[in-house]
C-alpha atoms as a PDB file:
ATOM      1  CA  MET A   1      26.994  18.907  -0.840  1.00  0.00           C
ATOM      2  CA  GLY A   2      25.783  21.382   1.790  1.00  0.00           C
ATOM      3  CA  HIS A   3      28.152  24.067   3.021  1.00  0.00           C
ATOM      4  CA  MET A   4      28.983  23.440   6.695  1.00  0.00           C
ATOM      5  CA  ASP A   5      29.818  26.136   9.217  1.00  0.00           C
ATOM      6  CA  HIS A   6      31.397  24.929  12.476  1.00  0.00           C
ATOM      7  CA  ALA A   7      31.375  28.367  14.116  1.00  0.00           C
ATOM      8  CA  ALA A   8      28.126  30.041  13.129  1.00  0.00           C
ATOM      9  CA  PHE A   9      28.433  32.360  16.163  1.00  0.00           C
ATOM     10  CA  GLY A  10      32.096  33.150  15.576  1.00  0.00           C
ATOM     11  CA  TRP A  11      34.604  32.262  18.285  1.00  0.00           C
ATOM     12  CA  LEU A  12      31.939  32.131  21.015  1.00  0.00           C
ATOM     13  CA  THR A  13      31.084  28.433  20.803  1.00  0.00           C
ATOM     14  CA  PRO A  14      34.663  27.094  20.285  1.00  0.00           C
ATOM     15  CA  VAL A  15      36.011  29.146  23.205  1.00  0.00           C
ATOM     16  CA  LEU A  16      33.084  28.358  25.509  1.00  0.00           C
ATOM     17  CA  SER A  17      33.199  24.657  24.659  1.00  0.00           C
ATOM     18  CA  TYR A  18      36.944  24.572  25.375  1.00  0.00           C
ATOM     19  CA  ALA A  19      36.314  26.261  28.741  1.00  0.00           C
ATOM     20  CA  MET A  20      33.720  23.596  29.592  1.00  0.00           C
ATOM     21  CA  ALA A  21      36.150  20.786  28.731  1.00  0.00           C
ATOM     22  CA  CYS A  22      38.905  22.361  30.845  1.00  0.00           C
ATOM     23  CA  THR A  23      36.579  22.944  33.793  1.00  0.00           C
ATOM     24  CA  GLY A  24      35.360  19.343  33.748  1.00  0.00           C
ATOM     25  CA  ALA A  25      38.922  18.044  33.474  1.00  0.00           C
ATOM     26  CA  ALA A  26      40.196  20.246  36.326  1.00  0.00           C
ATOM     27  CA  LEU A  27      37.363  19.221  38.631  1.00  0.00           C
ATOM     28  CA  GLY A  28      37.767  15.561  37.697  1.00  0.00           C
ATOM     29  CA  LEU A  29      41.505  15.630  38.399  1.00  0.00           C
ATOM     30  CA  ARG A  30      41.044  17.323  41.775  1.00  0.00           C
ATOM     31  CA  CYS A  31      38.397  14.792  42.787  1.00  0.00           C
ATOM     32  CA  THR A  32      40.592  11.901  41.644  1.00  0.00           C
ATOM     33  CA  LEU A  33      43.411  13.207  43.859  1.00  0.00           C
ATOM     34  CA  ARG A  34      40.996  13.430  46.781  1.00  0.00           C
ATOM     35  CA  ALA A  35      39.842   9.872  46.075  1.00  0.00           C
ATOM     36  CA  LEU A  36      43.376   8.469  46.096  1.00  0.00           C
ATOM     37  CA  GLY A  37      43.850   9.928  49.568  1.00  0.00           C
ATOM     38  CA  ALA A  38      40.589   8.470  50.889  1.00  0.00           C
ATOM     39  CA  THR A  39      39.218   5.002  51.620  1.00  0.00           C
ATOM     40  CA  GLY A  40      35.906   3.178  51.593  1.00  0.00           C
ATOM     41  CA  ARG A  41      32.742   5.145  50.900  1.00  0.00           C
ATOM     42  CA  SER A  42      34.611   8.444  50.749  1.00  0.00           C
ATOM     43  CA  ARG A  43      36.850   7.168  47.934  1.00  0.00           C
ATOM     44  CA  ARG A  44      33.821   5.902  46.026  1.00  0.00           C
ATOM     45  CA  ASN A  45      32.033   9.243  46.343  1.00  0.00           C
ATOM     46  CA  TRP A  46      35.083  11.211  45.162  1.00  0.00           C
ATOM     47  CA  LEU A  47      35.513   8.878  42.196  1.00  0.00           C
ATOM     48  CA  LEU A  48      31.830   9.262  41.269  1.00  0.00           C
ATOM     49  CA  THR A  49      32.180  13.035  41.432  1.00  0.00           C
ATOM     50  CA  ALA A  50      35.348  12.872  39.313  1.00  0.00           C
ATOM     51  CA  ALA A  51      33.658  10.714  36.679  1.00  0.00           C
ATOM     52  CA  SER A  52      30.535  12.877  36.517  1.00  0.00           C
ATOM     53  CA  ALA A  53      32.669  16.025  36.201  1.00  0.00           C
ATOM     54  CA  ILE A  54      34.837  14.694  33.381  1.00  0.00           C
ATOM     55  CA  ALA A  55      31.847  13.230  31.516  1.00  0.00           C
ATOM     56  CA  THR A  56      29.798  16.403  31.956  1.00  0.00           C
ATOM     57  CA  GLY A  57      32.696  18.548  30.734  1.00  0.00           C
ATOM     58  CA  ILE A  58      33.190  16.388  27.631  1.00  0.00           C
ATOM     59  CA  TRP A  59      29.475  16.171  26.801  1.00  0.00           C
ATOM     60  CA  THR A  60      28.909  19.887  27.369  1.00  0.00           C
ATOM     61  CA  MET A  61      31.968  20.698  25.246  1.00  0.00           C
ATOM     62  CA  HIS A  62      30.557  18.643  22.363  1.00  0.00           C
ATOM     63  CA  PHE A  63      27.077  20.124  22.361  1.00  0.00           C
ATOM     64  CA  VAL A  64      28.134  23.714  23.056  1.00  0.00           C
ATOM     65  CA  ALA A  65      30.372  23.364  19.997  1.00  0.00           C
ATOM     66  CA  MET A  66      27.419  21.892  18.094  1.00  0.00           C
ATOM     67  CA  LEU A  67      25.389  25.041  18.815  1.00  0.00           C
ATOM     68  CA  GLY A  68      27.672  26.711  16.281  1.00  0.00           C
ATOM     69  CA  PHE A  69      27.206  23.966  13.666  1.00  0.00           C
ATOM     70  CA  ALA A  70      25.083  24.904  10.667  1.00  0.00           C
ATOM     71  CA  VAL A  71      24.495  23.409   7.212  1.00  0.00           C
ATOM     72  CA  GLY A  72      23.435  25.547   4.283  1.00  0.00           C
ATOM     73  CA  GLY A  73      20.114  24.567   2.750  1.00  0.00           C
ATOM     74  CA  THR A  74      18.645  22.730   5.736  1.00  0.00           C
ATOM     75  CA  ASP A  75      17.525  23.243   9.304  1.00  0.00           C
ATOM     76  CA  ILE A  76      18.941  21.066  12.078  1.00  0.00           C
ATOM     77  CA  ARG A  77      17.042  19.297  14.831  1.00  0.00           C
ATOM     78  CA  TYR A  78      18.162  16.871  17.552  1.00  0.00           C
ATOM     79  CA  ASP A  79      16.657  13.529  18.480  1.00  0.00           C
ATOM     80  CA  VAL A  80      16.026  13.948  22.225  1.00  0.00           C
ATOM     81  CA  PRO A  81      16.340  10.271  23.346  1.00  0.00           C
ATOM     82  CA  LEU A  82      19.596   9.783  21.385  1.00  0.00           C
ATOM     83  CA  THR A  83      21.038  13.019  22.765  1.00  0.00           C
ATOM     84  CA  LEU A  84      20.264  11.969  26.335  1.00  0.00           C
ATOM     85  CA  ALA A  85      21.636   8.489  25.583  1.00  0.00           C
ATOM     86  CA  SER A  86      24.937  10.074  24.535  1.00  0.00           C
ATOM     87  CA  LEU A  87      25.137  11.764  27.955  1.00  0.00           C
ATOM     88  CA  LEU A  88      24.387   8.457  29.702  1.00  0.00           C
ATOM     89  CA  VAL A  89      27.074   6.668  27.675  1.00  0.00           C
ATOM     90  CA  ALA A  90      29.615   9.342  28.604  1.00  0.00           C
ATOM     91  CA  MET A  91      28.761   9.002  32.295  1.00  0.00           C
ATOM     92  CA  ILE A  92      28.977   5.192  32.340  1.00  0.00           C
ATOM     93  CA  VAL A  93      32.216   4.737  30.425  1.00  0.00           C
ATOM     94  CA  VAL A  94      34.083   7.571  32.138  1.00  0.00           C
ATOM     95  CA  CYS A  95      32.942   6.184  35.477  1.00  0.00           C
ATOM     96  CA  GLY A  96      34.338   2.781  34.491  1.00  0.00           C
ATOM     97  CA  GLY A  97      37.682   4.293  33.495  1.00  0.00           C
ATOM     98  CA  VAL A  98      38.017   6.405  36.636  1.00  0.00           C
ATOM     99  CA  PHE A  99      37.113   3.499  38.925  1.00  0.00           C
ATOM    100  CA  ALA A 100      39.621   1.258  37.114  1.00  0.00           C
ATOM    101  CA  VAL A 101      42.352   3.742  37.966  1.00  0.00           C
ATOM    102  CA  GLY A 102      41.055   4.495  41.454  1.00  0.00           C
ATOM    103  CA  HIS A 103      40.861   0.851  42.540  1.00  0.00           C
ATOM    104  CA  GLY A 104      43.397  -0.863  40.275  1.00  0.00           C
ATOM    105  CA  ARG A 105      46.356  -2.459  42.076  1.00  0.00           C
ATOM    106  CA  ASP A 106      48.520  -2.529  38.968  1.00  0.00           C
ATOM    107  CA  ARG A 107      48.569   1.170  38.115  1.00  0.00           C
ATOM    108  CA  THR A 108      50.038   0.772  34.616  1.00  0.00           C
ATOM    109  CA  ARG A 109      47.518  -1.868  33.570  1.00  0.00           C
ATOM    110  CA  ALA A 110      44.649   0.078  35.147  1.00  0.00           C
ATOM    111  CA  LEU A 111      45.772   3.241  33.379  1.00  0.00           C
ATOM    112  CA  LEU A 112      45.929   1.598  29.956  1.00  0.00           C
ATOM    113  CA  LEU A 113      42.600  -0.215  30.421  1.00  0.00           C
ATOM    114  CA  GLY A 114      40.919   2.874  31.848  1.00  0.00           C
ATOM    115  CA  GLY A 115      42.287   5.108  29.070  1.00  0.00           C
ATOM    116  CA  LEU A 116      41.146   2.715  26.349  1.00  0.00           C
ATOM    117  CA  THR A 117      37.683   2.278  27.870  1.00  0.00           C
ATOM    118  CA  THR A 118      37.182   5.970  28.509  1.00  0.00           C
ATOM    119  CA  GLY A 119      38.532   7.021  25.106  1.00  0.00           C
ATOM    120  CA  LEU A 120      36.260   4.619  23.242  1.00  0.00           C
ATOM    121  CA  GLY A 121      33.382   5.821  25.374  1.00  0.00           C
ATOM    122  CA  VAL A 122      34.117   9.471  24.579  1.00  0.00           C
ATOM    123  CA  ALA A 123      34.233   8.643  20.867  1.00  0.00           C
ATOM    124  CA  SER A 124      30.971   6.693  21.192  1.00  0.00           C
ATOM    125  CA  MET A 125      29.374   9.685  22.916  1.00  0.00           C
ATOM    126  CA  HIS A 126      30.505  11.969  20.091  1.00  0.00           C
ATOM    127  CA  TYR A 127      29.183   9.826  17.266  1.00  0.00           C
ATOM    128  CA  LEU A 128      26.006   8.939  19.131  1.00  0.00           C
ATOM    129  CA  GLY A 129      25.453  12.664  19.549  1.00  0.00           C
ATOM    130  CA  MET A 130      26.061  13.104  15.827  1.00  0.00           C
ATOM    131  CA  ALA A 131      23.545  10.341  15.103  1.00  0.00           C
ATOM    132  CA  ALA A 132      20.994  12.492  16.941  1.00  0.00           C
ATOM    133  CA  LEU A 133      21.263  15.113  14.164  1.00  0.00           C
ATOM    134  CA  GLN A 134      18.126  15.438  12.073  1.00  0.00           C
ATOM    135  CA  LEU A 135      18.406  17.333   8.768  1.00  0.00           C
ATOM    136  CA  HIS A 136      17.230  17.277   5.171  1.00  0.00           C
ATOM    137  CA  GLY A 137      19.864  15.097   3.560  1.00  0.00           C
ATOM    138  CA  GLN A 138      22.423  12.426   4.355  1.00  0.00           C
ATOM    139  CA  VAL A 139      25.468  12.576   6.626  1.00  0.00           C
ATOM    140  CA  HIS A 140      28.632  10.760   5.518  1.00  0.00           C
ATOM    141  CA  TYR A 141      31.938  10.190   7.309  1.00  0.00           C
ATOM    142  CA  ASP A 142      35.562   9.911   6.193  1.00  0.00           C
ATOM    143  CA  PRO A 143      36.734   6.607   7.795  1.00  0.00           C
ATOM    144  CA  ALA A 144      40.364   7.761   8.149  1.00  0.00           C
ATOM    145  CA  LEU A 145      39.389  10.916  10.047  1.00  0.00           C
ATOM    146  CA  VAL A 146      36.931   8.964  12.195  1.00  0.00           C
ATOM    147  CA  ALA A 147      39.737   6.547  13.136  1.00  0.00           C
ATOM    148  CA  LEU A 148      42.048   9.479  13.901  1.00  0.00           C
ATOM    149  CA  SER A 149      39.428  11.065  16.150  1.00  0.00           C
ATOM    150  CA  VAL A 150      39.081   7.785  18.085  1.00  0.00           C
ATOM    151  CA  VAL A 151      42.868   7.576  18.546  1.00  0.00           C
ATOM    152  CA  ILE A 152      42.899  11.166  19.826  1.00  0.00           C
ATOM    153  CA  ALA A 153      40.069  10.331  22.241  1.00  0.00           C
ATOM    154  CA  VAL A 154      41.957   7.317  23.659  1.00  0.00           C
ATOM    155  CA  LEU A 155      45.200   9.287  24.025  1.00  0.00           C
ATOM    156  CA  ALA A 156      43.371  12.208  25.642  1.00  0.00           C
ATOM    157  CA  ALA A 157      41.583   9.930  28.104  1.00  0.00           C
ATOM    158  CA  THR A 158      44.786   8.093  29.003  1.00  0.00           C
ATOM    159  CA  ALA A 159      46.612  11.391  29.518  1.00  0.00           C
ATOM    160  CA  ALA A 160      43.794  12.679  31.724  1.00  0.00           C
ATOM    161  CA  LEU A 161      43.812   9.565  33.905  1.00  0.00           C
ATOM    162  CA  TRP A 162      47.609   9.659  34.118  1.00  0.00           C
ATOM    163  CA  ALA A 163      47.404  13.275  35.238  1.00  0.00           C
ATOM    164  CA  GLY A 164      44.852  12.250  37.845  1.00  0.00           C
ATOM    165  CA  LEU A 165      47.456   9.916  39.328  1.00  0.00           C
ATOM    166  CA  ASN A 166      50.477  12.182  39.026  1.00  0.00           C
ATOM    167  CA  ALA A 167      49.446  15.861  38.950  1.00  0.00           C
ATOM    168  CA  LYS A 168      49.682  16.821  42.613  1.00  0.00           C
ATOM    169  CA  SER A 169      50.127  20.597  42.712  1.00  0.00           C
ATOM    170  CA  PRO A 170      47.417  23.096  41.677  1.00  0.00           C
ATOM    171  CA  LEU A 171      49.710  24.354  38.904  1.00  0.00           C
ATOM    172  CA  ALA A 172      50.175  20.829  37.536  1.00  0.00           C
ATOM    173  CA  VAL A 173      46.426  20.192  37.642  1.00  0.00           C
ATOM    174  CA  THR A 174      45.763  23.472  35.812  1.00  0.00           C
ATOM    175  CA  ALA A 175      48.295  22.646  33.098  1.00  0.00           C
ATOM    176  CA  ALA A 176      46.925  19.113  32.731  1.00  0.00           C
ATOM    177  CA  SER A 177      43.371  20.469  32.476  1.00  0.00           C
ATOM    178  CA  LEU A 178      44.302  22.921  29.718  1.00  0.00           C
ATOM    179  CA  ILE A 179      46.010  20.132  27.776  1.00  0.00           C
ATOM    180  CA  MET A 180      43.059  17.786  28.327  1.00  0.00           C
ATOM    181  CA  GLY A 181      40.621  20.475  27.147  1.00  0.00           C
ATOM    182  CA  ALA A 182      42.691  21.008  24.003  1.00  0.00           C
ATOM    183  CA  ALA A 183      42.809  17.249  23.346  1.00  0.00           C
ATOM    184  CA  VAL A 184      39.048  16.820  23.749  1.00  0.00           C
ATOM    185  CA  SER A 185      38.392  19.824  21.495  1.00  0.00           C
ATOM    186  CA  SER A 186      40.820  18.405  18.930  1.00  0.00           C
ATOM    187  CA  MET A 187      38.983  15.096  19.005  1.00  0.00           C
ATOM    188  CA  HIS A 188      35.661  16.865  18.454  1.00  0.00           C
ATOM    189  CA  TYR A 189      36.764  18.994  15.522  1.00  0.00           C
ATOM    190  CA  THR A 190      38.677  16.113  13.943  1.00  0.00           C
ATOM    191  CA  GLY A 191      35.451  14.137  14.083  1.00  0.00           C
ATOM    192  CA  MET A 192      33.590  17.080  12.565  1.00  0.00           C
ATOM    193  CA  LEU A 193      36.117  17.302   9.724  1.00  0.00           C
ATOM    194  CA  ALA A 194      35.160  13.718   8.901  1.00  0.00           C
ATOM    195  CA  VAL A 195      31.577  14.842   8.249  1.00  0.00           C
ATOM    196  CA  SER A 196      30.108  15.689   4.877  1.00  0.00           C
ATOM    197  CA  VAL A 197      26.437  16.422   4.257  1.00  0.00           C
ATOM    198  CA  HIS A 198      24.532  15.913   1.017  1.00  0.00           C
ATOM    199  CA  VAL A 199      21.491  18.154   1.337  1.00  0.00           C
ATOM    200  CA  THR A 200      18.149  17.134  -0.148  1.00  0.00           C
ATOM    201  CA  PRO A 201      15.961  20.280  -0.135  1.00  0.00           C
ATOM    202  CA  SER A 202      12.550  19.654   1.389  1.00  0.00           C
ATOM    203  CA  ASP A 203       9.689  21.522   3.037  1.00  0.00           C
ATOM    204  CA  ARG A 204       8.924  18.548   5.280  1.00  0.00           C
ATOM    205  CA  PRO A 205       9.081  19.473   8.975  1.00  0.00           C
ATOM    206  CA  LEU A 206      12.011  17.846  10.735  1.00  0.00           C
ATOM    207  CA  PRO A 207      11.418  15.726  13.843  1.00  0.00           C
ATOM    208  CA  GLY A 208      13.281  16.472  17.053  1.00  0.00           C
ATOM    209  CA  ALA A 209      14.097  19.561  19.089  1.00  0.00           C
ATOM    210  CA  VAL A 210      15.724  22.836  18.112  1.00  0.00           C
ATOM    211  CA  ALA A 211      19.182  23.225  19.659  1.00  0.00           C
ATOM    212  CA  MET A 212      18.365  26.477  21.429  1.00  0.00           C
ATOM    213  CA  GLN A 213      15.213  24.949  22.947  1.00  0.00           C
ATOM    214  CA  PHE A 214      16.816  21.718  24.143  1.00  0.00           C
ATOM    215  CA  ILE A 215      20.616  21.586  23.895  1.00  0.00           C
ATOM    216  CA  PHE A 216      21.253  25.106  25.174  1.00  0.00           C
ATOM    217  CA  PRO A 217      19.226  24.820  28.429  1.00  0.00           C
ATOM    218  CA  LEU A 218      20.698  21.365  29.117  1.00  0.00           C
ATOM    219  CA  ALA A 219      24.250  22.582  28.479  1.00  0.00           C
ATOM    220  CA  VAL A 220      23.686  25.602  30.735  1.00  0.00           C
ATOM    221  CA  GLY A 221      22.356  23.332  33.491  1.00  0.00           C
ATOM    222  CA  LEU A 222      25.311  20.952  33.261  1.00  0.00           C
ATOM    223  CA  GLY A 223      27.740  23.864  33.063  1.00  0.00           C
ATOM    224  CA  SER A 224      26.234  25.287  36.247  1.00  0.00           C
ATOM    225  CA  TYR A 225      26.694  21.896  37.893  1.00  0.00           C
ATOM    226  CA  LEU A 226      30.394  21.991  36.973  1.00  0.00           C
ATOM    227  CA  PHE A 227      30.963  25.451  38.400  1.00  0.00           C
ATOM    228  CA  LEU A 228      28.991  24.814  41.605  1.00  0.00           C
ATOM    229  CA  THR A 229      30.714  21.485  42.199  1.00  0.00           C
ATOM    230  CA  SER A 230      34.082  23.127  41.529  1.00  0.00           C
ATOM    231  CA  ALA A 231      33.322  25.700  44.204  1.00  0.00           C
ATOM    232  CA  PHE A 232      32.291  22.966  46.659  1.00  0.00           C
ATOM    233  CA  VAL A 233      35.475  20.971  46.033  1.00  0.00           C
ATOM    234  CA  ALA A 234      37.654  24.074  46.290  1.00  0.00           C
ATOM    235  CA  LEU A 235      36.091  25.044  49.628  1.00  0.00           C
ATOM    236  CA  SER A 236      35.918  21.569  51.175  1.00  0.00           C
ATOM    237  CA  PRO A 237      38.812  20.743  53.503  1.00  0.00           C
ATOM    238  CA  THR A 238      41.383  18.164  52.484  1.00  0.00           C
ATOM    239  CA  SER A 239      42.583  15.384  54.771  1.00  0.00           C
ATOM    240  CA  ALA A 240      45.731  17.430  55.405  1.00  0.00           C
ATOM    241  CA  ASP A 241      43.607  20.410  56.457  1.00  0.00           C
ATOM    242  CA  ARG A 242      41.601  18.254  58.869  1.00  0.00           C
ATOM    243  CA  GLU A 243      44.738  16.813  60.398  1.00  0.00           C
ATOM    244  CA  ALA A 244      46.234  20.272  60.820  1.00  0.00           C
ATOM    245  CA  SER A 245      43.091  21.657  62.479  1.00  0.00           C
ATOM    246  CA  ALA A 246      42.513  18.641  64.746  1.00  0.00           C
ATOM    247  CA  PRO A 247      43.311  19.246  68.443  1.00  0.00           C
ATOM    248  CA  ASP A 248      46.555  17.751  69.642  1.00  0.00           C
ATOM    249  CA  ARG A 249      45.523  14.730  71.710  1.00  0.00           C
ATOM    250  CA  ARG A 250      49.030  13.604  72.612  1.00  0.00           C
ATOM    251  CA  PRO A 251      49.512  13.195  76.381  1.00  0.00           C
ATOM    252  CA  VAL A 252      51.294  16.076  78.036  1.00  0.00           C
ATOM    253  CA  GLU A 253      54.392  14.998  79.927  1.00  0.00           C
ATOM    254  CA  SER A 254      54.479  16.208  83.490  1.00  0.00           C
ATOM    255  CA  THR A 255      57.614  17.738  84.826  1.00  0.00           C
ATOM    256  CA  ALA A 256      58.891  16.982  88.280  1.00  0.00           C
ATOM    257  CA  HIS A 257      59.423  19.940  90.662  1.00  0.00           C
END
């Protein structure tokens, strides 16, 4: 069995991946709040931004953490189509969960359905991303830990969507984002604990892309998207701001002299 290192660069990748998860969660929650106060096309656009932010944060968290993953006795490569497919899966399922909450009339039912859908999607993204691993040997999973990681993903997704409906103040959103980031990170590392690798030494070149040539630039690009979108959302006026700045159009009562 090959020795696995989940933090080959020390605390850098775990801390950075947690920051990405928290940033995506915070942006997603803020956009969900904006969506609930909007209607029509504006609500749809805010929900799309929320879904893309949460999915990007989760996906970036996973693959930034994977930059620190190493197995003794073998190199690691990534299957490019499968890696991109994992990002697409994350986007689609999180979008479905967010829209279920944003448009559902029965909030409790929408929350449970959205949390289940999103959680299963997050877990699917994780294990699809793991399937993209190319190495000399075989990867095996502990079924009990895999099941636990899926449960954590569903609970984390449900909690995030609940926070999107109920966390109104900036302080509440910040707290919810930190908790969501911790939950997503817990899901990831629980899933990684389920992994064991039986290395088969070989000089055969591995197919796929090196993480630093493919995963790192993609993660940096998506991380930049998160930070730029966060700045845009933070600077864009809310409906309350627009109402406060709108000129007072009420008729002025004349006084008799």
